[in-house]
Structure formats: structure tokens, C-alpha cells
């Protein structure tokens, strides 16, 4: 799977996912630290990545439909 690890999680999570064969990038990898949620979501959509985060705003399915 392809993952985008948000800035509120340690980058070791991305490394652990990579160790298990996943394609994981952090927002730090792409210079997205401090960017707004909609921007991060758009990058993840373009890259076909699931966002891994502790940010509860991403849980709003009206704003961020799971199928997208």
C-alpha cells in the first residue's frame, strides 16, 4: 500500500511501514510540514496514498470522503 504519514506522527512509522514492504512518505519528505489539511489531502489523492494521522479533521467523511 501507499501511505502519507502526517506531521503529528513520528517518521519512524513511515520507516516501519517501508520495512514491511509499503511505500510510505511523510509530509516532511515533501516539505509539506505546516500545510493545511486540504492541501495534504490533495497531494495524497494525486499520489494515491492513504493518509495516516492523529488529526481528527480527516475523520470528517463529508470533507474527506473515504472513496477519494
Protein backbone atom coordinates (compact mmCIF):
# COMPACT_ATOMS: atom_id res chain seq x y z
CA UNK A 1 0.00 0.00 0.00
CA UNK A 2 0.93 3.65 -0.37
CA UNK A 3 0.81 5.88 2.72
CA UNK A 4 1.28 9.58 3.55
CA UNK A 5 2.31 10.00 7.20
CA UNK A 6 1.11 13.29 8.67
CA UNK A 7 3.35 15.58 10.73
CA UNK A 8 1.69 14.66 14.02
CA UNK A 9 3.21 11.16 13.84
CA UNK A 10 6.86 10.25 14.21
CA UNK A 11 8.73 9.49 11.00
CA UNK A 12 9.64 6.07 12.43
CA UNK A 13 6.12 4.99 11.46
CA UNK A 14 6.97 5.54 7.80
CA UNK A 15 10.19 3.59 8.25
CA UNK A 16 8.33 0.70 9.90
CA UNK A 17 5.86 0.61 7.01
CA UNK A 18 8.72 0.63 4.49
CA UNK A 19 10.37 -2.24 6.35
CA UNK A 20 7.18 -4.24 5.78
CA UNK A 21 7.17 -3.53 2.04
CA UNK A 22 4.88 -0.50 1.89
CA UNK A 23 5.51 2.76 0.05
CA UNK A 24 5.38 5.37 2.82
CA UNK A 25 6.26 9.06 2.69
CA UNK A 26 5.97 11.69 5.37
CA UNK A 27 4.82 15.27 4.96
CA UNK A 28 8.39 16.17 5.94
CA UNK A 29 9.73 14.22 2.91
CA UNK A 30 7.91 16.61 0.59
CA UNK A 31 8.24 19.84 2.52
CA UNK A 32 4.55 19.87 3.46
CA UNK A 33 5.04 20.48 7.18
CA UNK A 34 2.59 23.13 8.37
CA UNK A 35 0.44 22.97 5.24
CA UNK A 36 -3.34 22.93 5.56
CA UNK A 37 -5.23 19.63 5.69
CA UNK A 38 -6.94 20.14 2.31
CA UNK A 39 -3.54 20.61 0.69
CA UNK A 40 -2.14 17.43 2.26
CA UNK A 41 -5.28 15.54 1.28
CA UNK A 42 -4.94 16.71 -2.33
CA UNK A 43 -1.31 15.59 -2.52
CA UNK A 44 -2.28 12.21 -1.07
CA UNK A 45 -5.10 11.87 -3.64
CA UNK A 46 -2.79 12.69 -6.53
CA UNK A 47 -0.27 10.13 -5.27
CA UNK A 48 -2.94 7.51 -4.48
CA UNK A 49 -1.88 7.40 -0.82
CA UNK A 50 -3.86 6.78 2.36
CA UNK A 51 -3.28 9.48 4.98
CA UNK A 52 -2.12 8.18 8.36
CA UNK A 53 -2.74 10.83 11.02
CA UNK A 54 -3.95 11.63 14.50
CA UNK A 55 -5.73 14.72 13.14
CA UNK A 56 -9.44 14.19 13.77
CA UNK A 57 -10.39 16.64 11.00
CA UNK A 58 -9.53 13.93 8.45
CA UNK A 59 -12.28 11.83 10.05
CA UNK A 60 -14.93 14.17 8.62
CA UNK A 61 -16.28 11.97 5.79
CA UNK A 62 -18.16 14.87 4.24
CA UNK A 63 -14.96 16.86 3.85
CA UNK A 64 -12.73 13.85 3.09
CA UNK A 65 -14.85 11.04 1.58
CA UNK A 66 -13.11 7.66 2.09
CA UNK A 67 -13.59 6.69 -1.56
CA UNK A 68 -11.44 9.64 -2.56
